[in-house]
Amino acid sequence: MYRALIQVWRSVREDHPTTSMCLKAIEQYVSPANSVIDVGTGSGILSIAAHLIGAKRIKALDVDDLAVKVAKENFAKNNCGKLYRSNAWKFIA
């Protein structure tokens, strides 16, 4: 299921233990009725996994402009649409 087209950013890899754990949690707990927020999206892999499961709404956030750029590219490669917002931290008080 997680064979999405992913360009990795820096040392972020799909087989990283934390990423693997989060992917398993997404598979277990996310359903099409859910909304998902991916804080610190990096490559966007967790948002893409939620999209592939069918989550109805996904927000992916990152403060790093390079991460946002890479996530945008990965979302486009996986037909995820616009799931990103740069500099979203200004909305968190």
C-alpha atoms as a PDB file:
ATOM      1  CA  MET A   1       0.000   0.000   0.000  1.00  0.00           C
ATOM      2  CA  TYR A   2       2.844   2.401   0.778  1.00  0.00           C
ATOM      3  CA  ARG A   3       4.502   2.176  -2.593  1.00  0.00           C
ATOM      4  CA  ALA A   4       3.539   5.759  -3.352  1.00  0.00           C
ATOM      5  CA  LEU A   5       5.921   7.849  -5.396  1.00  0.00           C
ATOM      6  CA  ILE A   6       7.984   9.658  -2.781  1.00  0.00           C
ATOM      7  CA  GLN A   7      10.973  11.943  -3.163  1.00  0.00           C
ATOM      8  CA  VAL A   8      12.749  11.990   0.179  1.00  0.00           C
ATOM      9  CA  TRP A   9      14.032  15.128   1.828  1.00  0.00           C
ATOM     10  CA  ARG A  10      17.426  15.079   3.525  1.00  0.00           C
ATOM     11  CA  SER A  11      17.587  11.936   5.657  1.00  0.00           C
ATOM     12  CA  VAL A  12      13.829  11.300   5.810  1.00  0.00           C
ATOM     13  CA  ARG A  13      13.153   7.770   4.650  1.00  0.00           C
ATOM     14  CA  GLU A  14      10.084   5.570   4.529  1.00  0.00           C
ATOM     15  CA  ASP A  15      11.850   2.881   6.551  1.00  0.00           C
ATOM     16  CA  HIS A  16      12.698   5.234   9.437  1.00  0.00           C
ATOM     17  CA  PRO A  17      11.315   3.611  12.636  1.00  0.00           C
ATOM     18  CA  THR A  18       9.117   6.579  13.572  1.00  0.00           C
ATOM     19  CA  THR A  19       7.733   6.874  10.046  1.00  0.00           C
ATOM     20  CA  SER A  20       7.028   3.136   9.936  1.00  0.00           C
ATOM     21  CA  MET A  21       5.222   3.352  13.272  1.00  0.00           C
ATOM     22  CA  CYS A  22       3.119   6.299  12.066  1.00  0.00           C
ATOM     23  CA  LEU A  23       2.265   4.506   8.808  1.00  0.00           C
ATOM     24  CA  LYS A  24       1.017   1.512  10.804  1.00  0.00           C
ATOM     25  CA  ALA A  25      -1.071   3.808  13.027  1.00  0.00           C
ATOM     26  CA  ILE A  26      -2.561   5.535   9.972  1.00  0.00           C
ATOM     27  CA  GLU A  27      -3.446   2.173   8.475  1.00  0.00           C
ATOM     28  CA  GLN A  28      -5.064   1.061  11.731  1.00  0.00           C
ATOM     29  CA  TYR A  29      -6.900   4.228  12.795  1.00  0.00           C
ATOM     30  CA  VAL A  30      -7.581   6.454   9.769  1.00  0.00           C
ATOM     31  CA  SER A  31     -10.762   5.884   7.789  1.00  0.00           C
ATOM     32  CA  PRO A  32     -12.518   7.750   4.969  1.00  0.00           C
ATOM     33  CA  ALA A  33     -14.622   9.619   7.550  1.00  0.00           C
ATOM     34  CA  ASN A  34     -11.536  11.132   9.210  1.00  0.00           C
ATOM     35  CA  SER A  35      -9.755  14.443   8.860  1.00  0.00           C
ATOM     36  CA  VAL A  36      -5.973  14.359   9.325  1.00  0.00           C
ATOM     37  CA  ILE A  37      -3.426  17.033  10.231  1.00  0.00           C
ATOM     38  CA  ASP A  38       0.221  16.239   9.487  1.00  0.00           C
ATOM     39  CA  VAL A  39       2.373  18.662  11.507  1.00  0.00           C
ATOM     40  CA  GLY A  40       5.961  18.691  10.273  1.00  0.00           C
ATOM     41  CA  THR A  41       5.030  16.909   7.053  1.00  0.00           C
ATOM     42  CA  GLY A  42       8.572  16.709   5.632  1.00  0.00           C
ATOM     43  CA  SER A  43       8.266  14.645   2.433  1.00  0.00           C
ATOM     44  CA  GLY A  44       4.498  14.341   2.895  1.00  0.00           C
ATOM     45  CA  ILE A  45       4.576  10.558   3.191  1.00  0.00           C
ATOM     46  CA  LEU A  46       2.120  10.420   6.106  1.00  0.00           C
ATOM     47  CA  SER A  47      -0.363  12.708   4.362  1.00  0.00           C
ATOM     48  CA  ILE A  48      -0.055  10.619   1.212  1.00  0.00           C
ATOM     49  CA  ALA A  49      -0.741   7.441   3.212  1.00  0.00           C
ATOM     50  CA  ALA A  50      -3.856   9.055   4.711  1.00  0.00           C
ATOM     51  CA  HIS A  51      -4.916  10.126   1.212  1.00  0.00           C
ATOM     52  CA  LEU A  52      -4.463   6.590  -0.134  1.00  0.00           C
ATOM     53  CA  ILE A  53      -6.662   5.256   2.670  1.00  0.00           C
ATOM     54  CA  GLY A  54      -9.253   7.839   1.689  1.00  0.00           C
ATOM     55  CA  ALA A  55      -9.217  10.383   4.532  1.00  0.00           C
ATOM     56  CA  LYS A  56     -11.791  13.023   3.619  1.00  0.00           C
ATOM     57  CA  ARG A  57      -9.655  16.020   4.558  1.00  0.00           C
ATOM     58  CA  ILE A  58      -5.907  16.373   5.033  1.00  0.00           C
ATOM     59  CA  LYS A  59      -3.842  19.379   6.115  1.00  0.00           C
ATOM     60  CA  ALA A  60      -0.076  19.057   5.855  1.00  0.00           C
ATOM     61  CA  LEU A  61       2.042  21.714   7.574  1.00  0.00           C
ATOM     62  CA  ASP A  62       5.743  22.468   7.669  1.00  0.00           C
ATOM     63  CA  VAL A  63       7.785  25.572   8.469  1.00  0.00           C
ATOM     64  CA  ASP A  64      10.661  24.560   6.199  1.00  0.00           C
ATOM     65  CA  ASP A  65      10.231  25.930   2.666  1.00  0.00           C
ATOM     66  CA  LEU A  66      12.216  23.041   1.156  1.00  0.00           C
ATOM     67  CA  ALA A  67       9.986  20.500   2.914  1.00  0.00           C
ATOM     68  CA  VAL A  68       6.885  22.287   1.596  1.00  0.00           C
ATOM     69  CA  LYS A  69       8.351  22.250  -1.928  1.00  0.00           C
ATOM     70  CA  VAL A  70       9.167  18.530  -1.747  1.00  0.00           C
ATOM     71  CA  ALA A  71       5.775  17.696  -0.212  1.00  0.00           C
ATOM     72  CA  LYS A  72       4.016  19.625  -3.014  1.00  0.00           C
ATOM     73  CA  GLU A  73       5.945  17.605  -5.603  1.00  0.00           C
ATOM     74  CA  ASN A  74       5.121  14.338  -3.846  1.00  0.00           C
ATOM     75  CA  PHE A  75       1.436  15.266  -3.553  1.00  0.00           C
ATOM     76  CA  ALA A  76       1.351  16.001  -7.291  1.00  0.00           C
ATOM     77  CA  LYS A  77       3.030  12.667  -8.113  1.00  0.00           C
ATOM     78  CA  ASN A  78       0.410  10.858  -6.040  1.00  0.00           C
ATOM     79  CA  ASN A  79      -2.666  12.815  -7.192  1.00  0.00           C
ATOM     80  CA  CYS A  80      -3.232  14.242  -3.723  1.00  0.00           C
ATOM     81  CA  GLY A  81      -4.156  17.744  -4.792  1.00  0.00           C
ATOM     82  CA  LYS A  82      -3.288  20.737  -2.651  1.00  0.00           C
ATOM     83  CA  LEU A  83      -2.737  19.378   0.831  1.00  0.00           C
ATOM     84  CA  TYR A  84      -0.116  21.875   1.977  1.00  0.00           C
ATOM     85  CA  ARG A  85       0.158  25.258   3.594  1.00  0.00           C
ATOM     86  CA  SER A  86       3.439  27.058   4.097  1.00  0.00           C
ATOM     87  CA  ASN A  87       3.996  29.141   7.222  1.00  0.00           C
ATOM     88  CA  ALA A  88       0.824  27.808   8.868  1.00  0.00           C
ATOM     89  CA  TRP A  89       2.306  28.328  12.331  1.00  0.00           C
ATOM     90  CA  LYS A  90       1.099  31.931  12.276  1.00  0.00           C
ATOM     91  CA  PHE A  91      -2.440  30.562  12.732  1.00  0.00           C
ATOM     92  CA  ILE A  92      -1.534  28.706  15.931  1.00  0.00           C
ATOM     93  CA  ALA A  93      -1.723  30.861  19.046  1.00  0.00           C
END
